[in-house]
Amino acid sequence: MTEDSEPRPFGLLQWRALRLKCPKCGKAPIFRGWFSMNDACAGCGRRFNREAGYLLGSIYFNYGITASLVVIMYFAMFFGNVLTDTQRLILLTSFGVLFPMWFFRYARALWIAFDELWDPWPNEEEVRRMQAERGTQR
């Protein structure tokens, strides 16, 4: 195994994702705008959107964390007797709508880091595809 293909510790991948950097090298940003992603890492060339539908997994991160936070906040406010039922409903509904829009980039970065842990880029199929693309460009 080369240094570049050695598995990275889960914590390091997550730390890089939370900083919105490439999980593979940690050098370049994943996003170029609020919702716009770079196609590939400027540092190591890792593709951020590996194929159609690849980033759908980030929805699970976003939904799971949002739903968990809403449930925790609801029970904390309910048993702490904080706010009325209507106020809690308005607050938690607003949170449930606004938080995922803010967390969108982090969810995608966490998904890419999670994928890097289990299926490091490039896998064998991607290597063959890149070699075929280089062959047709010559």
N, C-alpha and C. Protein backbone atom coordinates (compact mmCIF):
# COMPACT_ATOMS: atom_id res chain seq x y z
N MET A 1 0.83 -1.20 0.00
CA MET A 1 0.00 0.00 0.00
C MET A 1 0.87 1.25 0.00
N THR A 2 0.53 2.17 -0.85
CA THR A 2 1.27 3.43 -0.86
C THR A 2 0.72 4.33 0.24
N GLU A 3 1.46 5.38 0.52
CA GLU A 3 1.03 6.32 1.56
C GLU A 3 -0.32 6.93 1.21
N ASP A 4 -0.53 7.18 -0.10
CA ASP A 4 -1.77 7.81 -0.54
C ASP A 4 -2.98 6.88 -0.41
N SER A 5 -2.75 5.57 -0.44
CA SER A 5 -3.88 4.64 -0.37
C SER A 5 -4.07 4.06 1.02
N GLU A 6 -3.27 4.48 1.99
CA GLU A 6 -3.45 3.97 3.35
C GLU A 6 -4.77 4.46 3.92
N PRO A 7 -5.47 3.61 4.67
CA PRO A 7 -6.73 4.06 5.26
C PRO A 7 -6.48 5.16 6.29
N ARG A 8 -7.38 6.11 6.31
CA ARG A 8 -7.27 7.22 7.25
C ARG A 8 -8.18 6.96 8.44
N PRO A 9 -7.77 7.41 9.61
CA PRO A 9 -8.62 7.21 10.80
C PRO A 9 -9.97 7.93 10.64
N PHE A 10 -11.01 7.30 11.17
CA PHE A 10 -12.36 7.84 11.08
C PHE A 10 -12.43 9.26 11.62
N GLY A 11 -11.80 9.52 12.75
CA GLY A 11 -11.83 10.85 13.35
C GLY A 11 -11.22 11.91 12.45
N LEU A 12 -10.13 11.57 11.78
CA LEU A 12 -9.48 12.52 10.87
C LEU A 12 -10.40 12.85 9.69
N LEU A 13 -11.04 11.83 9.14
CA LEU A 13 -11.97 12.05 8.03
C LEU A 13 -13.13 12.95 8.45
N GLN A 14 -13.67 12.69 9.65
CA GLN A 14 -14.78 13.50 10.15
C GLN A 14 -14.33 14.93 10.42
N TRP A 15 -13.14 15.10 10.98
CA TRP A 15 -12.62 16.45 11.27
C TRP A 15 -12.48 17.25 9.97
N ARG A 16 -11.94 16.61 8.95
CA ARG A 16 -11.79 17.29 7.66
C ARG A 16 -13.16 17.66 7.09
N ALA A 17 -14.13 16.75 7.23
CA ALA A 17 -15.48 17.02 6.72
C ALA A 17 -16.11 18.19 7.45
N LEU A 18 -15.95 18.26 8.76
CA LEU A 18 -16.54 19.35 9.53
C LEU A 18 -15.89 20.70 9.20
N ARG A 19 -14.69 20.65 8.66
CA ARG A 19 -14.03 21.87 8.19
C ARG A 19 -14.34 22.13 6.72
N LEU A 20 -15.19 21.26 6.11
CA LEU A 20 -15.61 21.34 4.71
C LEU A 20 -14.43 21.25 3.75
N LYS A 21 -13.46 20.41 4.12
CA LYS A 21 -12.27 20.17 3.29
C LYS A 21 -12.34 18.76 2.71
N CYS A 22 -11.55 18.50 1.72
CA CYS A 22 -11.47 17.17 1.11
C CYS A 22 -11.11 16.15 2.18
N PRO A 23 -11.89 15.07 2.32
CA PRO A 23 -11.57 14.08 3.35
C PRO A 23 -10.30 13.29 3.04
N LYS A 24 -9.94 13.18 1.77
CA LYS A 24 -8.77 12.40 1.38
C LYS A 24 -7.46 13.10 1.75
N CYS A 25 -7.35 14.39 1.42
CA CYS A 25 -6.09 15.11 1.68
C CYS A 25 -6.24 16.24 2.70
N GLY A 26 -7.44 16.76 2.87
CA GLY A 26 -7.67 17.84 3.83
C GLY A 26 -7.18 19.20 3.39
N LYS A 27 -6.82 19.34 2.13
CA LYS A 27 -6.23 20.60 1.66
C LYS A 27 -7.22 21.56 1.03
N ALA A 28 -8.02 21.08 0.10
CA ALA A 28 -8.88 21.98 -0.68
C ALA A 28 -10.32 21.93 -0.19
N PRO A 29 -11.06 23.03 -0.39
CA PRO A 29 -12.47 23.05 0.03
C PRO A 29 -13.35 22.19 -0.89
N ILE A 30 -14.40 21.65 -0.32
CA ILE A 30 -15.36 20.86 -1.10
C ILE A 30 -16.31 21.80 -1.85
N PHE A 31 -16.64 22.93 -1.24
CA PHE A 31 -17.63 23.85 -1.81
C PHE A 31 -16.97 25.12 -2.31
N ARG A 32 -17.53 25.66 -3.40
CA ARG A 32 -17.07 26.95 -3.93
C ARG A 32 -18.09 28.04 -3.64
N GLY A 33 -19.26 27.68 -3.17
CA GLY A 33 -20.32 28.60 -2.79
C GLY A 33 -21.17 27.94 -1.73
N TRP A 34 -22.31 28.56 -1.41
CA TRP A 34 -23.15 27.99 -0.35
C TRP A 34 -23.70 26.63 -0.76
N PHE A 35 -24.19 26.49 -1.99
CA PHE A 35 -24.74 25.23 -2.46
C PHE A 35 -23.93 24.62 -3.60
N SER A 36 -22.93 25.32 -4.11
CA SER A 36 -22.15 24.84 -5.26
C SER A 36 -20.93 24.07 -4.78
N MET A 37 -20.80 22.85 -5.32
CA MET A 37 -19.65 22.02 -4.98
C MET A 37 -18.60 22.09 -6.08
N ASN A 38 -17.35 21.95 -5.68
CA ASN A 38 -16.29 21.76 -6.66
C ASN A 38 -16.44 20.35 -7.22
N ASP A 39 -16.05 20.16 -8.47
CA ASP A 39 -16.15 18.83 -9.08
C ASP A 39 -15.13 17.87 -8.47
N ALA A 40 -13.93 18.39 -8.23
CA ALA A 40 -12.86 17.56 -7.70
C ALA A 40 -11.98 18.39 -6.78
N CYS A 41 -11.21 17.71 -5.97
CA CYS A 41 -10.29 18.37 -5.04
C CYS A 41 -9.12 18.96 -5.83
N ALA A 42 -8.81 20.21 -5.56
CA ALA A 42 -7.68 20.86 -6.22
C ALA A 42 -6.35 20.29 -5.73
N GLY A 43 -6.34 19.68 -4.54
CA GLY A 43 -5.11 19.13 -3.97
C GLY A 43 -4.78 17.73 -4.46
N CYS A 44 -5.77 16.82 -4.40
CA CYS A 44 -5.48 15.41 -4.71
C CYS A 44 -6.27 14.87 -5.90
N GLY A 45 -7.23 15.64 -6.40
CA GLY A 45 -8.01 15.21 -7.56
C GLY A 45 -9.21 14.33 -7.24
N ARG A 46 -9.50 14.09 -5.96
CA ARG A 46 -10.62 13.24 -5.60
C ARG A 46 -11.91 13.86 -6.11
N ARG A 47 -12.71 13.05 -6.81
CA ARG A 47 -14.01 13.53 -7.29
C ARG A 47 -14.97 13.55 -6.11
N PHE A 48 -15.69 14.65 -5.97
CA PHE A 48 -16.63 14.77 -4.85
C PHE A 48 -17.99 14.16 -5.19
N ASN A 49 -18.39 14.19 -6.45
CA ASN A 49 -19.63 13.55 -6.87
C ASN A 49 -19.24 12.41 -7.79
N ARG A 50 -19.08 11.23 -7.22
CA ARG A 50 -18.49 10.12 -7.95
C ARG A 50 -19.36 9.61 -9.09
N GLU A 51 -20.68 9.66 -8.94
CA GLU A 51 -21.59 9.22 -10.00
C GLU A 51 -22.98 9.75 -9.70
N ALA A 52 -23.88 9.56 -10.64
CA ALA A 52 -25.26 10.04 -10.46
C ALA A 52 -25.88 9.37 -9.23
N GLY A 53 -26.47 10.17 -8.37
CA GLY A 53 -27.13 9.65 -7.18
C GLY A 53 -26.20 9.44 -6.00
N TYR A 54 -24.93 9.65 -6.19
CA TYR A 54 -23.94 9.39 -5.12
C TYR A 54 -24.21 10.21 -3.87
N LEU A 55 -24.57 11.46 -4.04
CA LEU A 55 -24.73 12.35 -2.89
C LEU A 55 -26.07 12.21 -2.18
N LEU A 56 -26.94 11.32 -2.65
CA LEU A 56 -28.22 11.11 -1.97
C LEU A 56 -28.02 10.59 -0.56
N GLY A 57 -26.92 9.93 -0.30
CA GLY A 57 -26.64 9.43 1.04
C GLY A 57 -26.52 10.54 2.07
N SER A 58 -26.17 11.73 1.61
CA SER A 58 -26.04 12.85 2.55
C SER A 58 -27.38 13.23 3.15
N ILE A 59 -28.46 12.90 2.46
CA ILE A 59 -29.80 13.19 2.98
C ILE A 59 -30.01 12.45 4.30
N TYR A 60 -29.48 11.24 4.40
CA TYR A 60 -29.63 10.46 5.64
C TYR A 60 -28.93 11.16 6.80
N PHE A 61 -27.76 11.69 6.54
CA PHE A 61 -27.04 12.43 7.59
C PHE A 61 -27.85 13.66 8.01
N ASN A 62 -28.32 14.41 7.03
CA ASN A 62 -29.04 15.65 7.31
C ASN A 62 -30.35 15.34 8.06
N TYR A 63 -31.12 14.42 7.56
CA TYR A 63 -32.40 14.08 8.19
C TYR A 63 -32.19 13.48 9.57
N GLY A 64 -31.25 12.57 9.70
CA GLY A 64 -31.02 11.90 10.98
C GLY A 64 -30.60 12.87 12.07
N ILE A 65 -29.71 13.76 11.76
CA ILE A 65 -29.24 14.72 12.76
C ILE A 65 -30.34 15.74 13.07
N THR A 66 -31.05 16.20 12.05
CA THR A 66 -32.14 17.15 12.28
C THR A 66 -33.23 16.52 13.14
N ALA A 67 -33.67 15.32 12.79
CA ALA A 67 -34.73 14.65 13.55
C ALA A 67 -34.29 14.38 14.99
N SER A 68 -33.06 13.95 15.17
CA SER A 68 -32.56 13.70 16.53
C SER A 68 -32.56 14.96 17.37
N LEU A 69 -32.11 16.06 16.79
CA LEU A 69 -32.09 17.33 17.52
C LEU A 69 -33.50 17.82 17.87
N VAL A 70 -34.43 17.66 16.93
CA VAL A 70 -35.80 18.09 17.19
C VAL A 70 -36.40 17.27 18.34
N VAL A 71 -36.19 15.96 18.33
CA VAL A 71 -36.72 15.10 19.40
C VAL A 71 -36.10 15.47 20.74
N ILE A 72 -34.80 15.63 20.76
CA ILE A 72 -34.11 15.99 22.02
C ILE A 72 -34.60 17.34 22.53
N MET A 73 -34.70 18.33 21.64
CA MET A 73 -35.16 19.66 22.07
C MET A 73 -36.61 19.62 22.54
N TYR A 74 -37.44 18.83 21.86
CA TYR A 74 -38.84 18.74 22.26
C TYR A 74 -38.95 18.21 23.69
N PHE A 75 -38.32 17.08 23.95
CA PHE A 75 -38.43 16.49 25.29
C PHE A 75 -37.77 17.37 26.35
N ALA A 76 -36.68 18.01 26.01
CA ALA A 76 -36.04 18.92 26.97
C ALA A 76 -36.97 20.08 27.31
N MET A 77 -37.61 20.64 26.29
CA MET A 77 -38.53 21.75 26.55
C MET A 77 -39.82 21.28 27.22
N PHE A 78 -40.30 20.09 26.86
CA PHE A 78 -41.53 19.57 27.44
C PHE A 78 -41.35 19.28 28.93
N PHE A 79 -40.31 18.52 29.27
CA PHE A 79 -40.10 18.16 30.67
C PHE A 79 -39.52 19.31 31.48
N GLY A 80 -38.89 20.27 30.81
CA GLY A 80 -38.39 21.45 31.50
C GLY A 80 -39.46 22.53 31.61
N ASN A 81 -40.64 22.21 31.06
CA ASN A 81 -41.77 23.13 31.09
C ASN A 81 -41.39 24.50 30.50
N VAL A 82 -40.68 24.44 29.38
CA VAL A 82 -40.24 25.65 28.68
C VAL A 82 -41.20 25.91 27.52
N LEU A 83 -41.74 27.08 27.44
CA LEU A 83 -42.64 27.52 26.38
C LEU A 83 -43.98 26.77 26.41
N THR A 84 -44.94 27.34 25.71
CA THR A 84 -46.24 26.69 25.59
C THR A 84 -46.18 25.69 24.44
N ASP A 85 -47.22 24.88 24.29
CA ASP A 85 -47.26 23.91 23.20
C ASP A 85 -47.16 24.60 21.84
N THR A 86 -47.88 25.69 21.67
CA THR A 86 -47.86 26.42 20.40
C THR A 86 -46.49 27.02 20.13
N GLN A 87 -45.86 27.58 21.14
CA GLN A 87 -44.53 28.16 20.97
C GLN A 87 -43.51 27.08 20.62
N ARG A 88 -43.60 25.93 21.28
CA ARG A 88 -42.69 24.81 20.96
C ARG A 88 -42.89 24.36 19.52
N LEU A 89 -44.16 24.26 19.10
CA LEU A 89 -44.47 23.84 17.74
C LEU A 89 -43.85 24.79 16.72
N ILE A 90 -44.03 26.09 16.94
CA ILE A 90 -43.49 27.08 16.02
C ILE A 90 -41.96 27.04 16.01
N LEU A 91 -41.36 26.97 17.19
CA LEU A 91 -39.90 26.95 17.30
C LEU A 91 -39.31 25.70 16.64
N LEU A 92 -39.86 24.54 16.95
CA LEU A 92 -39.30 23.29 16.41
C LEU A 92 -39.59 23.13 14.92
N THR A 93 -40.72 23.63 14.46
CA THR A 93 -41.00 23.60 13.02
C THR A 93 -40.03 24.50 12.27
N SER A 94 -39.81 25.68 12.81
CA SER A 94 -38.83 26.59 12.19
C SER A 94 -37.45 25.97 12.17
N PHE A 95 -37.06 25.37 13.29
CA PHE A 95 -35.76 24.71 13.36
C PHE A 95 -35.68 23.58 12.33
N GLY A 96 -36.77 22.79 12.24
CA GLY A 96 -36.79 21.66 11.30
C GLY A 96 -36.72 22.06 9.85
N VAL A 97 -37.07 23.30 9.55
CA VAL A 97 -36.97 23.81 8.18
C VAL A 97 -35.63 24.50 7.94
N LEU A 98 -35.19 25.32 8.87
CA LEU A 98 -33.98 26.12 8.67
C LEU A 98 -32.67 25.36 8.90
N PHE A 99 -32.63 24.51 9.93
CA PHE A 99 -31.40 23.80 10.25
C PHE A 99 -30.88 22.95 9.08
N PRO A 100 -31.75 22.15 8.41
CA PRO A 100 -31.23 21.35 7.29
C PRO A 100 -30.63 22.18 6.16
N MET A 101 -31.16 23.39 5.94
CA MET A 101 -30.58 24.24 4.89
C MET A 101 -29.19 24.72 5.29
N TRP A 102 -29.00 25.01 6.57
CA TRP A 102 -27.68 25.41 7.04
C TRP A 102 -26.74 24.20 7.07
N PHE A 103 -27.24 23.06 7.49
CA PHE A 103 -26.42 21.86 7.68
C PHE A 103 -26.14 21.11 6.38
N PHE A 104 -26.78 21.52 5.29
CA PHE A 104 -26.65 20.86 3.99
C PHE A 104 -25.19 20.57 3.60
N ARG A 105 -24.34 21.58 3.69
CA ARG A 105 -22.94 21.41 3.29
C ARG A 105 -22.22 20.42 4.19
N TYR A 106 -22.49 20.49 5.48
CA TYR A 106 -21.84 19.58 6.43
C TYR A 106 -22.31 18.14 6.21
N ALA A 107 -23.59 17.97 5.90
CA ALA A 107 -24.12 16.63 5.64
C ALA A 107 -23.44 16.02 4.42
N ARG A 108 -23.28 16.82 3.38
CA ARG A 108 -22.59 16.31 2.19
C ARG A 108 -21.13 15.98 2.50
N ALA A 109 -20.47 16.86 3.21
CA ALA A 109 -19.07 16.61 3.56
C ALA A 109 -18.93 15.37 4.43
N LEU A 110 -19.83 15.19 5.38
CA LEU A 110 -19.80 14.00 6.24
C LEU A 110 -20.07 12.73 5.44
N TRP A 111 -20.98 12.81 4.48
CA TRP A 111 -21.26 11.66 3.62
C TRP A 111 -20.02 11.30 2.79
N ILE A 112 -19.36 12.29 2.21
CA ILE A 112 -18.16 12.04 1.41
C ILE A 112 -17.07 11.42 2.28
N ALA A 113 -16.92 11.92 3.51
CA ALA A 113 -15.91 11.36 4.43
C ALA A 113 -16.27 9.93 4.82
N PHE A 114 -17.55 9.67 5.08
CA PHE A 114 -18.01 8.33 5.41
C PHE A 114 -17.72 7.38 4.25
N ASP A 115 -17.99 7.83 3.04
CA ASP A 115 -17.72 7.01 1.86
C ASP A 115 -16.23 6.78 1.67
N GLU A 116 -15.43 7.79 1.96
CA GLU A 116 -13.97 7.66 1.84
C GLU A 116 -13.45 6.59 2.79
N LEU A 117 -14.08 6.45 3.94
CA LEU A 117 -13.68 5.43 4.90
C LEU A 117 -13.95 4.03 4.36
N TRP A 118 -15.13 3.83 3.76
CA TRP A 118 -15.54 2.48 3.35
C TRP A 118 -15.20 2.15 1.90
N ASP A 119 -15.11 3.14 1.03
CA ASP A 119 -14.81 2.91 -0.38
C ASP A 119 -13.90 4.02 -0.87
N PRO A 120 -12.61 3.98 -0.49
CA PRO A 120 -11.69 5.07 -0.84
C PRO A 120 -11.64 5.32 -2.34
N TRP A 121 -11.49 6.59 -2.68
CA TRP A 121 -11.40 6.98 -4.08
C TRP A 121 -9.95 6.88 -4.54
N PRO A 122 -9.64 6.45 -5.71
CA PRO A 122 -10.53 5.82 -6.68
C PRO A 122 -10.60 4.31 -6.44
N ASN A 123 -11.77 3.74 -6.64
CA ASN A 123 -11.87 2.28 -6.56
C ASN A 123 -11.49 1.71 -7.92
N GLU A 124 -11.51 0.39 -8.04
CA GLU A 124 -11.04 -0.25 -9.27
C GLU A 124 -11.83 0.20 -10.50
N GLU A 125 -13.15 0.30 -10.35
CA GLU A 125 -13.97 0.72 -11.48
C GLU A 125 -13.64 2.15 -11.91
N GLU A 126 -13.41 3.03 -10.94
CA GLU A 126 -13.08 4.42 -11.26
C GLU A 126 -11.71 4.51 -11.92
N VAL A 127 -10.77 3.68 -11.50
CA VAL A 127 -9.44 3.67 -12.13
C VAL A 127 -9.57 3.27 -13.59
N ARG A 128 -10.37 2.21 -13.87
CA ARG A 128 -10.58 1.78 -15.26
C ARG A 128 -11.24 2.89 -16.08
N ARG A 129 -12.24 3.58 -15.49
CA ARG A 129 -12.94 4.65 -16.19
C ARG A 129 -11.98 5.80 -16.51
N MET A 130 -11.13 6.17 -15.53
CA MET A 130 -10.17 7.27 -15.75
C MET A 130 -9.15 6.89 -16.81
N GLN A 131 -8.70 5.62 -16.82
CA GLN A 131 -7.75 5.18 -17.84
C GLN A 131 -8.39 5.19 -19.22
N ALA A 132 -9.66 4.80 -19.29
CA ALA A 132 -10.36 4.82 -20.57
C ALA A 132 -10.53 6.25 -21.07
N GLU A 133 -10.84 7.18 -20.16
CA GLU A 133 -10.98 8.58 -20.56
C GLU A 133 -9.66 9.15 -21.05
N ARG A 134 -8.57 8.78 -20.39
CA ARG A 134 -7.25 9.26 -20.84
C ARG A 134 -6.92 8.69 -22.21
N GLY A 135 -7.31 7.44 -22.45
CA GLY A 135 -7.04 6.80 -23.74
C GLY A 135 -7.80 7.44 -24.88
N THR A 136 -9.02 7.90 -24.62
CA THR A 136 -9.81 8.54 -25.67
C THR A 136 -9.42 9.98 -25.91
N GLN A 137 -8.74 10.59 -24.94
CA GLN A 137 -8.32 11.99 -25.09
C GLN A 137 -7.05 12.13 -25.90
N ARG A 138 -6.31 11.05 -26.06
CA ARG A 138 -5.03 11.12 -26.79
C ARG A 138 -5.22 11.13 -28.27
